[in-house]
C-alpha atoms as a PDB file:
ATOM      1  CA  UNK A   1     189.327  57.965  -0.931  1.00  0.00           C
ATOM      2  CA  UNK A   2     189.419  60.796  -3.290  1.00  0.00           C
ATOM      3  CA  UNK A   3     186.205  63.326  -3.395  1.00  0.00           C
ATOM      4  CA  UNK A   4     184.830  60.418  -0.495  1.00  0.00           C
ATOM      5  CA  UNK A   5     186.877  62.636   2.487  1.00  0.00           C
ATOM      6  CA  UNK A   6     184.382  60.683   5.177  1.00  0.00           C
ATOM      7  CA  UNK A   7     183.156  57.418   5.304  1.00  0.00           C
ATOM      8  CA  UNK A   8     180.245  56.873   7.712  1.00  0.00           C
ATOM      9  CA  UNK A   9     179.270  52.808   6.963  1.00  0.00           C
ATOM     10  CA  UNK A  10     180.786  51.103   9.925  1.00  0.00           C
ATOM     11  CA  UNK A  11     177.811  50.820  11.196  1.00  0.00           C
ATOM     12  CA  UNK A  12     177.727  52.510  14.814  1.00  0.00           C
ATOM     13  CA  UNK A  13     179.068  56.419  15.093  1.00  0.00           C
ATOM     14  CA  UNK A  14     181.922  55.325  17.381  1.00  0.00           C
ATOM     15  CA  UNK A  15     184.056  52.684  14.513  1.00  0.00           C
ATOM     16  CA  UNK A  16     182.876  56.253  12.033  1.00  0.00           C
ATOM     17  CA  UNK A  17     184.519  58.389  14.467  1.00  0.00           C
ATOM     18  CA  UNK A  18     187.491  55.690  13.656  1.00  0.00           C
ATOM     19  CA  UNK A  19     188.035  55.710  10.062  1.00  0.00           C
ATOM     20  CA  UNK A  20     188.717  59.447   9.944  1.00  0.00           C
ATOM     21  CA  UNK A  21     192.039  58.072  10.268  1.00  0.00           C
ATOM     22  CA  UNK A  22     192.023  55.946   6.595  1.00  0.00           C
ATOM     23  CA  UNK A  23     194.139  53.376   6.713  1.00  0.00           C
ATOM     24  CA  UNK A  24     195.171  54.376   9.975  1.00  0.00           C
ATOM     25  CA  UNK A  25     197.479  57.214   8.738  1.00  0.00           C
ATOM     26  CA  UNK A  26     195.170  59.261   6.491  1.00  0.00           C
ATOM     27  CA  UNK A  27     193.697  62.169   8.611  1.00  0.00           C
ATOM     28  CA  UNK A  28     190.877  63.453   7.558  1.00  0.00           C
ATOM     29  CA  UNK A  29     190.269  65.560  10.169  1.00  0.00           C
ATOM     30  CA  UNK A  30     193.416  67.844   9.411  1.00  0.00           C
ATOM     31  CA  UNK A  31     192.204  70.599  10.663  1.00  0.00           C
ATOM     32  CA  UNK A  32     188.581  72.613  12.947  1.00  0.00           C
ATOM     33  CA  UNK A  33     186.735  72.666   9.975  1.00  0.00           C
ATOM     34  CA  UNK A  34     187.333  68.768   8.907  1.00  0.00           C
ATOM     35  CA  UNK A  35     185.802  68.465  12.262  1.00  0.00           C
ATOM     36  CA  UNK A  36     182.334  70.338  11.931  1.00  0.00           C
ATOM     37  CA  UNK A  37     181.985  69.092   8.230  1.00  0.00           C
ATOM     38  CA  UNK A  38     182.387  65.448   9.714  1.00  0.00           C
ATOM     39  CA  UNK A  39     179.865  66.479  12.227  1.00  0.00           C
ATOM     40  CA  UNK A  40     177.275  67.576   9.431  1.00  0.00           C
ATOM     41  CA  UNK A  41     178.354  64.804   7.179  1.00  0.00           C
ATOM     42  CA  UNK A  42     178.026  62.041   9.861  1.00  0.00           C
ATOM     43  CA  UNK A  43     174.220  64.314  11.114  1.00  0.00           C
ATOM     44  CA  UNK A  44     175.481  64.473  14.027  1.00  0.00           C
ATOM     45  CA  UNK A  45     175.145  68.284  14.610  1.00  0.00           C
ATOM     46  CA  UNK A  46     171.780  70.286  12.116  1.00  0.00           C
ATOM     47  CA  UNK A  47     173.541  73.769  12.096  1.00  0.00           C
ATOM     48  CA  UNK A  48     177.297  74.768  11.665  1.00  0.00           C
ATOM     49  CA  UNK A  49     178.463  75.042  15.362  1.00  0.00           C
ATOM     50  CA  UNK A  50     181.493  76.053  16.970  1.00  0.00           C
ATOM     51  CA  UNK A  51     184.850  74.126  17.159  1.00  0.00           C
ATOM     52  CA  UNK A  52     188.342  74.975  17.852  1.00  0.00           C
ATOM     53  CA  UNK A  53     191.788  73.173  17.823  1.00  0.00           C
ATOM     54  CA  UNK A  54     191.081  72.354  21.513  1.00  0.00           C
ATOM     55  CA  UNK A  55     187.998  70.835  20.056  1.00  0.00           C
ATOM     56  CA  UNK A  56     190.297  68.635  17.619  1.00  0.00           C
ATOM     57  CA  UNK A  57     192.872  67.041  20.169  1.00  0.00           C
ATOM     58  CA  UNK A  58     189.949  65.716  22.102  1.00  0.00           C
ATOM     59  CA  UNK A  59     188.432  64.542  19.039  1.00  0.00           C
ATOM     60  CA  UNK A  60     191.551  62.968  17.860  1.00  0.00           C
ATOM     61  CA  UNK A  61     192.208  61.366  21.705  1.00  0.00           C
ATOM     62  CA  UNK A  62     188.567  59.877  21.865  1.00  0.00           C
ATOM     63  CA  UNK A  63     189.846  58.353  18.101  1.00  0.00           C
ATOM     64  CA  UNK A  64     192.900  57.141  18.934  1.00  0.00           C
ATOM     65  CA  UNK A  65     191.126  55.808  22.312  1.00  0.00           C
ATOM     66  CA  UNK A  66     188.497  53.349  20.178  1.00  0.00           C
ATOM     67  CA  UNK A  67     191.323  52.185  18.125  1.00  0.00           C
ATOM     68  CA  UNK A  68     193.081  50.621  21.528  1.00  0.00           C
ATOM     69  CA  UNK A  69     189.996  49.548  22.981  1.00  0.00           C
ATOM     70  CA  UNK A  70     188.586  48.123  19.653  1.00  0.00           C
ATOM     71  CA  UNK A  71     192.233  46.630  18.679  1.00  0.00           C
ATOM     72  CA  UNK A  72     191.802  44.275  22.715  1.00  0.00           C
ATOM     73  CA  UNK A  73     188.624  43.702  21.935  1.00  0.00           C
ATOM     74  CA  UNK A  74     189.109  42.129  18.517  1.00  0.00           C
ATOM     75  CA  UNK A  75     192.128  40.271  19.582  1.00  0.00           C
ATOM     76  CA  UNK A  76     191.042  39.268  22.715  1.00  0.00           C
ATOM     77  CA  UNK A  77     193.535  41.193  24.940  1.00  0.00           C
ATOM     78  CA  UNK A  78     193.689  44.008  28.466  1.00  0.00           C
ATOM     79  CA  UNK A  79     192.264  47.212  26.406  1.00  0.00           C
ATOM     80  CA  UNK A  80     194.453  49.895  28.604  1.00  0.00           C
ATOM     81  CA  UNK A  81     193.497  51.888  31.076  1.00  0.00           C
ATOM     82  CA  UNK A  82     194.486  55.005  29.641  1.00  0.00           C
ATOM     83  CA  UNK A  83     191.831  54.176  26.848  1.00  0.00           C
ATOM     84  CA  UNK A  84     188.893  53.613  28.912  1.00  0.00           C
ATOM     85  CA  UNK A  85     189.416  56.771  31.160  1.00  0.00           C
ATOM     86  CA  UNK A  86     189.641  58.702  27.915  1.00  0.00           C
ATOM     87  CA  UNK A  87     186.596  56.992  25.926  1.00  0.00           C
ATOM     88  CA  UNK A  88     184.905  57.589  30.241  1.00  0.00           C
ATOM     89  CA  UNK A  89     185.707  60.910  30.505  1.00  0.00           C
ATOM     90  CA  UNK A  90     183.978  61.759  26.704  1.00  0.00           C
ATOM     91  CA  UNK A  91     180.931  59.832  28.041  1.00  0.00           C
ATOM     92  CA  UNK A  92     180.653  62.057  31.237  1.00  0.00           C
ATOM     93  CA  UNK A  93     180.424  64.911  29.375  1.00  0.00           C
ATOM     94  CA  UNK A  94     176.924  66.047  29.689  1.00  0.00           C
ATOM     95  CA  UNK A  95     174.124  65.502  27.349  1.00  0.00           C
ATOM     96  CA  UNK A  96     172.191  68.276  25.366  1.00  0.00           C
ATOM     97  CA  UNK A  97     169.487  69.222  27.057  1.00  0.00           C
ATOM     98  CA  UNK A  98     166.311  69.317  25.746  1.00  0.00           C
ATOM     99  CA  UNK A  99     163.806  72.341  25.293  1.00  0.00           C
ATOM    100  CA  UNK A 100     160.377  72.439  25.059  1.00  0.00           C
ATOM    101  CA  UNK A 101     158.921  75.057  22.905  1.00  0.00           C
ATOM    102  CA  UNK A 102     155.719  76.233  21.631  1.00  0.00           C
ATOM    103  CA  UNK A 103     155.607  77.925  18.564  1.00  0.00           C
ATOM    104  CA  UNK A 104     152.558  78.470  15.968  1.00  0.00           C
ATOM    105  CA  UNK A 105     151.970  74.725  15.239  1.00  0.00           C
ATOM    106  CA  UNK A 106     151.926  73.434  18.910  1.00  0.00           C
ATOM    107  CA  UNK A 107     154.640  71.566  20.796  1.00  0.00           C
ATOM    108  CA  UNK A 108     158.221  71.293  19.441  1.00  0.00           C
ATOM    109  CA  UNK A 109     161.441  69.942  20.903  1.00  0.00           C
ATOM    110  CA  UNK A 110     164.247  72.237  20.298  1.00  0.00           C
ATOM    111  CA  UNK A 111     167.935  71.476  21.121  1.00  0.00           C
ATOM    112  CA  UNK A 112     170.418  74.564  22.083  1.00  0.00           C
ATOM    113  CA  UNK A 113     173.621  74.600  19.733  1.00  0.00           C
ATOM    114  CA  UNK A 114     175.765  72.367  20.292  1.00  0.00           C
ATOM    115  CA  UNK A 115     178.899  72.058  21.863  1.00  0.00           C
ATOM    116  CA  UNK A 116     181.794  69.744  20.620  1.00  0.00           C
ATOM    117  CA  UNK A 117     182.433  67.915  24.093  1.00  0.00           C
ATOM    118  CA  UNK A 118     178.289  66.961  24.142  1.00  0.00           C
ATOM    119  CA  UNK A 119     178.909  65.177  20.940  1.00  0.00           C
ATOM    120  CA  UNK A 120     182.232  63.319  21.382  1.00  0.00           C
ATOM    121  CA  UNK A 121     180.033  61.889  25.049  1.00  0.00           C
ATOM    122  CA  UNK A 122     177.163  60.934  22.373  1.00  0.00           C
ATOM    123  CA  UNK A 123     179.962  59.189  20.002  1.00  0.00           C
ATOM    124  CA  UNK A 124     181.319  58.317  23.922  1.00  0.00           C
ATOM    125  CA  UNK A 125     178.219  56.331  24.778  1.00  0.00           C
ATOM    126  CA  UNK A 126     177.579  54.475  21.690  1.00  0.00           C
ATOM    127  CA  UNK A 127     181.215  52.380  21.795  1.00  0.00           C
ATOM    128  CA  UNK A 128     180.447  51.595  25.361  1.00  0.00           C
ATOM    129  CA  UNK A 129     177.047  50.297  24.620  1.00  0.00           C
ATOM    130  CA  UNK A 130     178.771  48.813  21.592  1.00  0.00           C
ATOM    131  CA  UNK A 131     181.295  47.597  23.370  1.00  0.00           C
ATOM    132  CA  UNK A 132     179.033  45.653  26.061  1.00  0.00           C
ATOM    133  CA  UNK A 133     175.966  45.398  24.565  1.00  0.00           C
ATOM    134  CA  UNK A 134     174.873  42.515  21.849  1.00  0.00           C
ATOM    135  CA  UNK A 135     176.438  44.094  18.771  1.00  0.00           C
ATOM    136  CA  UNK A 136     179.911  43.427  20.117  1.00  0.00           C
ATOM    137  CA  UNK A 137     180.181  39.360  19.164  1.00  0.00           C
ATOM    138  CA  UNK A 138     179.795  41.361  15.377  1.00  0.00           C
ATOM    139  CA  UNK A 139     182.479  43.710  15.370  1.00  0.00           C
ATOM    140  CA  UNK A 140     184.839  42.060  12.056  1.00  0.00           C
ATOM    141  CA  UNK A 141     188.375  44.011  10.771  1.00  0.00           C
ATOM    142  CA  UNK A 142     188.235  44.918   7.226  1.00  0.00           C
ATOM    143  CA  UNK A 143     189.971  41.506   5.169  1.00  0.00           C
ATOM    144  CA  UNK A 144     191.285  43.987   2.674  1.00  0.00           C
ATOM    145  CA  UNK A 145     195.367  43.680   2.899  1.00  0.00           C
ATOM    146  CA  UNK A 146     195.237  47.681   2.194  1.00  0.00           C
ATOM    147  CA  UNK A 147     192.151  47.921   5.065  1.00  0.00           C
ATOM    148  CA  UNK A 148     191.997  49.042   8.626  1.00  0.00           C
ATOM    149  CA  UNK A 149     188.664  49.610   8.869  1.00  0.00           C
ATOM    150  CA  UNK A 150     186.390  47.997  11.463  1.00  0.00           C
ATOM    151  CA  UNK A 151     182.373  47.857  11.036  1.00  0.00           C
ATOM    152  CA  UNK A 152     179.461  46.587  12.768  1.00  0.00           C
ATOM    153  CA  UNK A 153     178.531  42.255  10.898  1.00  0.00           C
ATOM    154  CA  UNK A 154     174.571  43.587  10.271  1.00  0.00           C
ATOM    155  CA  UNK A 155     174.069  40.759   7.522  1.00  0.00           C
ATOM    156  CA  UNK A 156     171.751  37.955   7.331  1.00  0.00           C
ATOM    157  CA  UNK A 157     174.747  35.478   7.545  1.00  0.00           C
ATOM    158  CA  UNK A 158     177.107  37.429   9.842  1.00  0.00           C
ATOM    159  CA  UNK A 159     180.122  36.751   6.930  1.00  0.00           C
ATOM    160  CA  UNK A 160     180.419  39.786   5.692  1.00  0.00           C
ATOM    161  CA  UNK A 161     184.259  40.330   4.867  1.00  0.00           C
ATOM    162  CA  UNK A 162     185.007  43.885   4.059  1.00  0.00           C
ATOM    163  CA  UNK A 163     183.899  46.908   5.813  1.00  0.00           C
ATOM    164  CA  UNK A 164     182.676  48.019   3.247  1.00  0.00           C
ATOM    165  CA  UNK A 165     181.102  45.839  -0.550  1.00  0.00           C
ATOM    166  CA  UNK A 166     181.593  48.742  -2.736  1.00  0.00           C
ATOM    167  CA  UNK A 167     185.225  49.393  -2.030  1.00  0.00           C
ATOM    168  CA  UNK A 168     187.235  47.068  -0.790  1.00  0.00           C
ATOM    169  CA  UNK A 169     185.187  44.453  -1.382  1.00  0.00           C
ATOM    170  CA  UNK A 170     184.663  45.223  -5.559  1.00  0.00           C
ATOM    171  CA  UNK A 171     188.663  45.996  -5.033  1.00  0.00           C
ATOM    172  CA  UNK A 172     188.827  42.477  -3.570  1.00  0.00           C
ATOM    173  CA  UNK A 173     186.782  40.550  -6.220  1.00  0.00           C
ATOM    174  CA  UNK A 174     188.510  43.296  -9.244  1.00  0.00           C
ATOM    175  CA  UNK A 175     191.888  41.336  -8.680  1.00  0.00           C
ATOM    176  CA  UNK A 176     190.612  37.811  -7.764  1.00  0.00           C
ATOM    177  CA  UNK A 177     188.955  38.171 -11.241  1.00  0.00           C
ATOM    178  CA  UNK A 178     192.695  39.357 -12.639  1.00  0.00           C
ATOM    179  CA  UNK A 179     194.619  36.950 -11.230  1.00  0.00           C
ATOM    180  CA  UNK A 180     191.808  34.021 -12.243  1.00  0.00           C
ATOM    181  CA  UNK A 181     192.420  35.626 -16.243  1.00  0.00           C
ATOM    182  CA  UNK A 182     195.960  36.223 -15.783  1.00  0.00           C
ATOM    183  CA  UNK A 183     196.239  32.222 -14.594  1.00  0.00           C
ATOM    184  CA  UNK A 184     193.997  30.816 -17.071  1.00  0.00           C
ATOM    185  CA  UNK A 185     196.081  32.794 -19.640  1.00  0.00           C
ATOM    186  CA  UNK A 186     200.258  31.443 -18.322  1.00  0.00           C
ATOM    187  CA  UNK A 187     197.906  28.634 -18.214  1.00  0.00           C
ATOM    188  CA  UNK A 188     196.800  28.408 -22.222  1.00  0.00           C
ATOM    189  CA  UNK A 189     200.538  29.460 -23.100  1.00  0.00           C
ATOM    190  CA  UNK A 190     202.469  26.546 -21.831  1.00  0.00           C
END
């Protein structure tokens, strides 16, 4: 994962937030500046915004609740009330209100500088939509032994096995190839 601090390919922003805790132990949001960089990288904000330690705490709490509820969903278990409450509290944040402005080019929609609570609300809305909508049945866990990624399988046959074919899928194919070569070399030496 070196040189690639943010994975933004899970298919939904709520799952991308989960990927900020790589393999559930590698923290990719160590400080408020990293959270701000993730928000920019994920196109949640166009410009810099004020991010503080409380925002980071709230983001990590939402991420933890997403792990809890999505894990429960994937394994047919009942999610904890605390996790549901955390997601619902984030979703209750007011959304960024658009503002109509007249410019030399005509009418334009503008938005005030975002607050992290509003963005977390949008992420919580995404999770609620994912968990209650048609894509719920497309949620998958990565088949790689060394990955805990969760993604939406939008492949045509819905048989995708890895969170990323370029990362986990490639590693699995290389390992299988090496094993076949090792096995064929061992078999001919006997």
